[in-house]
């Protein structure tokens, strides 16, 4: 069968069949799942006529396949780790679909998430009390203390090169006076926000960001309609700089990924250049997204840092010119790019 043949072709040459029927070797999933590298051949495949299973007795990773199913996310993750090209995996899934004459059978291995659009209903929220558009603040009405905080907010926006964006908010209310407020829009309504401390918080008890965000929110979806590419970043400020979208974290949910895929654009992930960026790259490989590895200076960790040093035009251009599409090469480059 096409899947069994394809999977067997991905098994490294050093793996051996044991008397009990397992094809065993060093599991490629251990280090990515928080365990030490497997050196005792604890990973193994057990094949049957129309199915197989994979178990690792070191990290506990399990997956498998049986007739009538597609190659799912966990199996894709394993195959890519073994060196399979994500594009080949998608072609195998397509061949599985073509091989089914009965539509009822075909529907068994197309998940709901793949056959129908994800629908979200993010409700409107209020910004912090007394919030005002930054450029409309009446400075004459501010106390001397709040005027200094407002000036610091304006200077911060200018210093970061973010003054091109005209929807910054500021509030003199309580602890928000030390922050700039970035609203989260969806279909032209505010559904959340992040309030970023101006500069560096004086101690660890004060968070850099106050975040109010709906579940599975993807920042800046509204702005992607006319874009040829969708650049996916971790943080909202990064997305704002490069005109992309942000997941607000390094472990995007299936719903978030589906919302990006529904844009029907060429998707380019720009991971942060740190260890956490690996999680974003795994999601990109699973969903068949491209990944960009710009050749920036070592101290540059994300798009915001890059724009501050190089400017927006150079940063966006370097992202588009550093795109990798091959899954195996993405894995290799990720290990160099995502530094501790």
Protein backbone atom coordinates (compact mmCIF):
# COMPACT_ATOMS: atom_id res chain seq x y z
CA UNK A 1 0.00 0.00 0.00
CA UNK A 2 1.19 3.51 -0.81
CA UNK A 3 1.54 4.68 2.80
CA UNK A 4 3.32 1.55 4.02
CA UNK A 5 5.76 1.73 1.10
CA UNK A 6 6.37 5.44 1.65
CA UNK A 7 6.98 5.07 5.39
CA UNK A 8 9.30 2.10 4.94
CA UNK A 9 11.36 4.16 2.48
CA UNK A 10 11.92 6.80 5.19
CA UNK A 11 13.36 4.36 7.75
CA UNK A 12 17.15 4.91 8.06
CA UNK A 13 19.44 2.18 6.81
CA UNK A 14 20.81 1.44 10.28
CA UNK A 15 17.47 0.31 11.67
CA UNK A 16 17.11 -3.47 12.09
CA UNK A 17 14.22 -5.89 12.44
CA UNK A 18 14.14 -7.71 15.78
CA UNK A 19 12.98 -11.30 16.37
CA UNK A 20 9.75 -9.93 17.86
CA UNK A 21 8.90 -8.17 14.60
CA UNK A 22 9.82 -4.57 15.46
CA UNK A 23 11.99 -2.51 13.09
CA UNK A 24 14.08 -0.65 15.65
CA UNK A 25 16.51 2.25 15.76
CA UNK A 26 17.34 5.47 17.59
CA UNK A 27 14.17 7.53 17.93
CA UNK A 28 14.46 11.01 16.28
CA UNK A 29 11.72 12.48 18.51
CA UNK A 30 13.33 12.22 21.95
CA UNK A 31 15.19 15.52 22.14
CA UNK A 32 12.24 17.51 20.78
CA UNK A 33 10.03 16.01 23.48
CA UNK A 34 12.24 16.90 26.42
CA UNK A 35 14.27 13.69 26.70
CA UNK A 36 17.90 12.90 26.14
CA UNK A 37 18.89 11.64 22.70
CA UNK A 38 18.12 7.99 22.10
CA UNK A 39 21.30 5.92 21.71
CA UNK A 40 19.81 2.52 22.63
CA UNK A 41 17.50 2.01 19.63
CA UNK A 42 14.33 2.52 21.66
CA UNK A 43 12.17 3.59 18.71
CA UNK A 44 10.37 0.99 16.62
CA UNK A 45 7.87 0.30 13.84
CA UNK A 46 5.54 -2.70 13.83
CA UNK A 47 4.06 -3.32 10.36
CA UNK A 48 1.03 -5.38 9.39
CA UNK A 49 -0.77 -5.87 6.05
CA UNK A 50 -2.81 -2.67 6.20
CA UNK A 51 -1.49 -0.75 9.19
CA UNK A 52 1.52 -0.02 11.37
CA UNK A 53 2.32 1.52 14.71
CA UNK A 54 5.33 3.42 15.99
CA UNK A 55 6.39 3.52 19.65
CA UNK A 56 9.40 4.96 21.42
CA UNK A 57 10.19 3.33 24.73
CA UNK A 58 12.43 6.24 25.71
CA UNK A 59 10.30 9.40 25.20
CA UNK A 60 6.90 7.70 24.86
CA UNK A 61 6.13 9.14 21.42
CA UNK A 62 3.43 7.11 19.63
CA UNK A 63 1.77 7.30 16.25
CA UNK A 64 0.61 5.01 13.48
CA UNK A 65 -1.59 4.50 10.47
CA UNK A 66 -4.31 2.14 9.26
CA UNK A 67 -6.23 1.71 6.02
CA UNK A 68 -8.81 4.45 5.41
CA UNK A 69 -6.86 7.14 7.23
CA UNK A 70 -4.61 9.95 6.08
CA UNK A 71 -1.11 10.76 7.31
CA UNK A 72 -1.96 12.84 10.39
CA UNK A 73 0.01 15.53 12.19
CA UNK A 74 1.94 13.30 14.59
CA UNK A 75 2.94 10.90 11.84
CA UNK A 76 3.99 13.85 9.66
CA UNK A 77 6.14 15.10 12.54
CA UNK A 78 7.88 11.72 12.79
CA UNK A 79 8.38 11.36 9.04
CA UNK A 80 9.86 14.84 8.71
CA UNK A 81 12.22 14.07 11.60
CA UNK A 82 13.33 10.98 9.67
CA UNK A 83 14.04 13.17 6.63
CA UNK A 84 10.84 13.08 4.57
CA UNK A 85 9.93 16.11 2.48
CA UNK A 86 6.60 17.65 3.67
CA UNK A 87 5.64 18.17 0.02
CA UNK A 88 6.00 14.41 -0.58
CA UNK A 89 3.81 13.71 2.44
CA UNK A 90 1.11 15.96 1.02
CA UNK A 91 1.35 14.18 -2.32
CA UNK A 92 0.84 10.82 -0.59
CA UNK A 93 -2.23 12.19 1.18
CA UNK A 94 -3.52 13.42 -2.18
CA UNK A 95 -2.99 10.00 -3.73
CA UNK A 96 -4.95 8.47 -0.88
CA UNK A 97 -7.84 10.76 -1.68
CA UNK A 98 -7.73 9.99 -5.40
CA UNK A 99 -7.72 6.26 -4.69
CA UNK A 100 -11.11 6.40 -3.00
CA UNK A 101 -14.11 5.93 -5.30
CA UNK A 102 -16.66 6.13 -2.57
CA UNK A 103 -17.17 9.68 -1.27
CA UNK A 104 -18.19 8.35 2.11
CA UNK A 105 -14.89 6.56 2.45
CA UNK A 106 -13.00 9.65 1.28
CA UNK A 107 -14.64 11.80 3.92
CA UNK A 108 -13.25 9.56 6.69
CA UNK A 109 -9.76 10.93 6.33
CA UNK A 110 -10.57 14.57 5.69
CA UNK A 111 -10.95 16.17 9.08
CA UNK A 112 -13.57 18.82 9.75
CA UNK A 113 -10.80 21.36 10.14
CA UNK A 114 -9.61 20.64 6.60
CA UNK A 115 -12.99 20.52 4.87
CA UNK A 116 -14.73 23.52 6.40
CA UNK A 117 -13.60 26.96 7.38
CA UNK A 118 -13.03 27.71 11.03
CA UNK A 119 -15.56 30.30 12.15
CA UNK A 120 -14.65 32.61 15.03
CA UNK A 121 -16.90 35.02 16.87
CA UNK A 122 -14.61 37.28 18.86
CA UNK A 123 -16.66 39.80 20.80
CA UNK A 124 -15.93 43.49 21.16
CA UNK A 125 -14.07 44.54 24.31
CA UNK A 126 -13.38 47.88 25.94
CA UNK A 127 -9.89 49.32 26.12
CA UNK A 128 -8.59 50.40 29.58
CA UNK A 129 -10.42 53.29 31.20
CA UNK A 130 -9.75 56.74 29.71
CA UNK A 131 -7.95 55.29 26.68
CA UNK A 132 -7.32 57.82 23.92
CA UNK A 133 -5.70 57.70 20.51
CA UNK A 134 -2.13 58.82 21.11
CA UNK A 135 -2.25 61.67 18.60
CA UNK A 136 -5.51 63.02 20.04
CA UNK A 137 -4.43 63.30 23.68
CA UNK A 138 -5.11 66.77 25.12
CA UNK A 139 -1.80 67.37 26.86
CA UNK A 140 -3.07 70.57 28.48
CA UNK A 141 -5.49 68.52 30.57
CA UNK A 142 -2.81 66.21 31.98
CA UNK A 143 -1.18 66.55 35.35
CA UNK A 144 2.56 67.20 35.37
CA UNK A 145 3.21 63.62 36.39
CA UNK A 146 1.03 62.10 33.66
CA UNK A 147 2.41 64.54 31.07
CA UNK A 148 5.89 63.13 31.69
CA UNK A 149 4.54 59.59 31.27
CA UNK A 150 2.76 60.56 28.08
CA UNK A 151 5.93 62.12 26.65
CA UNK A 152 7.82 58.92 27.51
CA UNK A 153 5.20 56.91 25.63
CA UNK A 154 5.53 59.11 22.54
CA UNK A 155 9.31 58.94 22.67
CA UNK A 156 9.18 55.16 23.00
CA UNK A 157 6.97 54.83 19.91
CA UNK A 158 9.31 57.10 17.96
CA UNK A 159 12.47 55.35 19.18
CA UNK A 160 11.13 51.94 18.16
CA UNK A 161 10.22 53.25 14.71
CA UNK A 162 6.55 52.56 15.32
CA UNK A 163 5.22 56.05 14.65
CA UNK A 164 4.00 54.96 11.20
CA UNK A 165 1.09 53.24 12.96
CA UNK A 166 -1.67 55.74 13.78
CA UNK A 167 -3.87 53.63 16.07
CA UNK A 168 -1.78 53.65 19.23
CA UNK A 169 -3.73 54.31 22.40
CA UNK A 170 -2.63 55.70 25.75
CA UNK A 171 -4.41 56.00 29.06
CA UNK A 172 -3.58 58.10 32.14
CA UNK A 173 -5.52 55.57 34.23
CA UNK A 174 -3.53 53.82 36.98
CA UNK A 175 -0.61 51.68 35.80
CA UNK A 176 -1.55 52.10 32.12
CA UNK A 177 0.03 55.57 32.10
CA UNK A 178 3.43 53.86 31.81
CA UNK A 179 2.34 51.88 28.76
CA UNK A 180 1.39 52.15 25.10
CA UNK A 181 -1.73 50.26 24.09
CA UNK A 182 -1.96 48.27 20.86
CA UNK A 183 -5.59 47.35 20.08
CA UNK A 184 -6.47 44.00 18.51
CA UNK A 185 -8.90 44.37 15.62
CA UNK A 186 -11.05 41.83 13.82
CA UNK A 187 -13.53 42.92 11.17
CA UNK A 188 -12.90 46.52 12.22
CA UNK A 189 -13.91 46.01 15.85
CA UNK A 190 -11.62 45.91 18.88
CA UNK A 191 -11.55 42.39 20.35
CA UNK A 192 -8.56 42.72 22.67
CA UNK A 193 -5.32 44.60 23.28
CA UNK A 194 -1.80 44.44 24.60
CA UNK A 195 -0.40 47.21 26.81
CA UNK A 196 3.41 47.35 26.56
CA UNK A 197 5.48 48.90 29.33
CA UNK A 198 7.50 51.86 28.05
CA UNK A 199 11.10 50.76 28.25
CA UNK A 200 12.20 48.10 30.74
CA UNK A 201 10.04 47.38 33.82
CA UNK A 202 11.83 48.41 37.03
CA UNK A 203 11.45 44.97 38.61
CA UNK A 204 10.24 41.46 37.77
CA UNK A 205 6.94 41.97 39.56
CA UNK A 206 5.83 44.34 36.82
CA UNK A 207 5.03 42.51 33.56
CA UNK A 208 6.30 43.90 30.29
CA UNK A 209 2.90 43.28 28.70
CA UNK A 210 -0.68 43.35 29.93
CA UNK A 211 -2.56 41.17 27.49
CA UNK A 212 -6.29 40.78 26.94
CA UNK A 213 -6.85 38.50 23.99
CA UNK A 214 -9.66 36.20 22.87
CA UNK A 215 -9.02 32.49 22.55
CA UNK A 216 -7.15 31.50 19.37
CA UNK A 217 -6.72 35.12 18.30
CA UNK A 218 -4.48 35.83 15.30
CA UNK A 219 -3.31 39.44 15.22
CA UNK A 220 -3.64 41.51 12.03
CA UNK A 221 -5.77 39.12 9.95
CA UNK A 222 -7.77 42.06 8.57
CA UNK A 223 -4.69 43.56 6.91
CA UNK A 224 -3.81 40.48 4.81
CA UNK A 225 -6.44 40.80 2.07
CA UNK A 226 -4.16 42.40 -0.53
CA UNK A 227 -0.92 40.70 0.52
CA UNK A 228 0.73 38.08 -1.69
CA UNK A 229 2.56 36.60 1.31
CA UNK A 230 1.49 36.15 4.91
CA UNK A 231 4.44 36.50 7.28
CA UNK A 232 3.72 34.70 10.55
CA UNK A 233 5.49 35.94 13.68
CA UNK A 234 5.29 35.22 17.38
CA UNK A 235 4.72 38.75 18.73
CA UNK A 236 2.28 41.46 17.70
CA UNK A 237 4.97 44.15 17.47
CA UNK A 238 6.93 41.96 15.05
CA UNK A 239 3.83 41.47 12.91
CA UNK A 240 3.11 45.19 12.95
CA UNK A 241 6.62 45.99 11.69
CA UNK A 242 6.48 43.57 8.73
CA UNK A 243 2.76 43.70 7.94
CA UNK A 244 2.24 40.09 8.96
CA UNK A 245 0.17 38.18 11.51
CA UNK A 246 1.06 37.11 15.04
CA UNK A 247 0.14 34.07 17.12
CA UNK A 248 1.05 35.62 20.51
CA UNK A 249 3.15 32.63 21.49
CA UNK A 250 5.39 29.91 20.10
CA UNK A 251 2.82 27.08 20.15
CA UNK A 252 0.03 28.06 17.73
CA UNK A 253 -3.23 26.18 18.12
CA UNK A 254 -4.83 24.20 15.26
CA UNK A 255 -7.52 26.88 15.05
CA UNK A 256 -4.94 29.65 14.66
CA UNK A 257 -3.14 27.70 11.94
CA UNK A 258 -6.43 27.06 10.13
CA UNK A 259 -7.27 30.76 10.22
CA UNK A 260 -3.95 31.51 8.54
CA UNK A 261 -4.45 28.76 5.95
CA UNK A 262 -7.92 30.10 5.17
CA UNK A 263 -6.31 33.28 3.86
CA UNK A 264 -5.25 31.23 0.81
CA UNK A 265 -1.88 32.98 0.64
CA UNK A 266 1.72 31.81 0.57
CA UNK A 267 2.62 31.52 4.24
CA UNK A 268 6.11 32.34 5.52
CA UNK A 269 6.99 31.73 9.15
CA UNK A 270 9.56 34.08 10.68
CA UNK A 271 10.61 32.32 13.92
CA UNK A 272 12.30 34.14 16.77
CA UNK A 273 16.01 33.36 16.83
CA UNK A 274 15.87 31.54 20.14
CA UNK A 275 15.13 28.06 21.45
CA UNK A 276 11.39 28.72 21.59
CA UNK A 277 11.40 29.38 17.85
CA UNK A 278 11.77 25.63 17.28
CA UNK A 279 8.18 25.06 18.37
CA UNK A 280 6.92 27.48 15.75
CA UNK A 281 9.02 25.75 13.11
CA UNK A 282 7.50 22.36 13.99
CA UNK A 283 4.04 23.81 13.44
CA UNK A 284 5.15 25.31 10.12
CA UNK A 285 6.47 21.96 8.89
CA UNK A 286 3.27 20.20 9.91
CA UNK A 287 1.15 22.70 7.98
CA UNK A 288 3.41 22.90 4.93
CA UNK A 289 4.42 26.51 5.52
CA UNK A 290 7.66 28.01 4.31
CA UNK A 291 10.20 29.28 6.86
CA UNK A 292 12.50 32.29 6.58
CA UNK A 293 16.00 32.34 8.10
CA UNK A 294 17.37 35.88 7.51
CA UNK A 295 21.10 36.36 7.89
CA UNK A 296 20.88 39.02 10.59
CA UNK A 297 23.50 39.91 13.18
CA UNK A 298 23.67 37.62 16.21
CA UNK A 299 22.08 40.10 18.60
CA UNK A 300 18.93 40.32 16.43
CA UNK A 301 16.29 38.00 17.89
CA UNK A 302 13.14 39.01 16.00
CA UNK A 303 11.64 41.35 13.42
CA UNK A 304 11.31 44.21 15.90
CA UNK A 305 15.04 44.10 16.63
CA UNK A 306 15.82 43.90 12.93
CA UNK A 307 13.68 46.91 12.01
CA UNK A 308 15.24 48.95 14.80
CA UNK A 309 18.71 48.26 13.37
CA UNK A 310 18.15 47.90 9.61
CA UNK A 311 14.85 49.64 8.88
CA UNK A 312 11.53 48.18 7.72
CA UNK A 313 12.26 47.94 3.98
CA UNK A 314 15.53 46.03 4.39
CA UNK A 315 14.02 43.77 7.06
CA UNK A 316 11.02 42.74 4.96
CA UNK A 317 13.17 42.26 1.89
CA UNK A 318 15.63 40.06 3.79
CA UNK A 319 12.75 37.94 5.09
CA UNK A 320 11.39 37.33 1.59
CA UNK A 321 14.85 36.58 0.19
CA UNK A 322 15.66 34.02 2.92
CA UNK A 323 12.74 31.63 2.51
CA UNK A 324 13.29 27.87 2.66
CA UNK A 325 10.63 25.48 1.34
CA UNK A 326 12.26 22.07 1.80
CA UNK A 327 11.30 20.38 5.08
CA UNK A 328 14.63 18.63 5.59
CA UNK A 329 16.60 21.82 4.97
CA UNK A 330 14.28 23.70 7.32
CA UNK A 331 15.11 21.26 10.12
CA UNK A 332 18.84 21.58 9.50
CA UNK A 333 18.78 25.37 9.32
CA UNK A 334 16.53 25.63 12.38
CA UNK A 335 19.18 24.07 14.60
CA UNK A 336 21.62 26.84 13.66
CA UNK A 337 19.11 29.67 13.64
CA UNK A 338 17.24 29.00 16.88
CA UNK A 339 20.00 29.61 19.39
CA UNK A 340 19.71 29.03 23.13
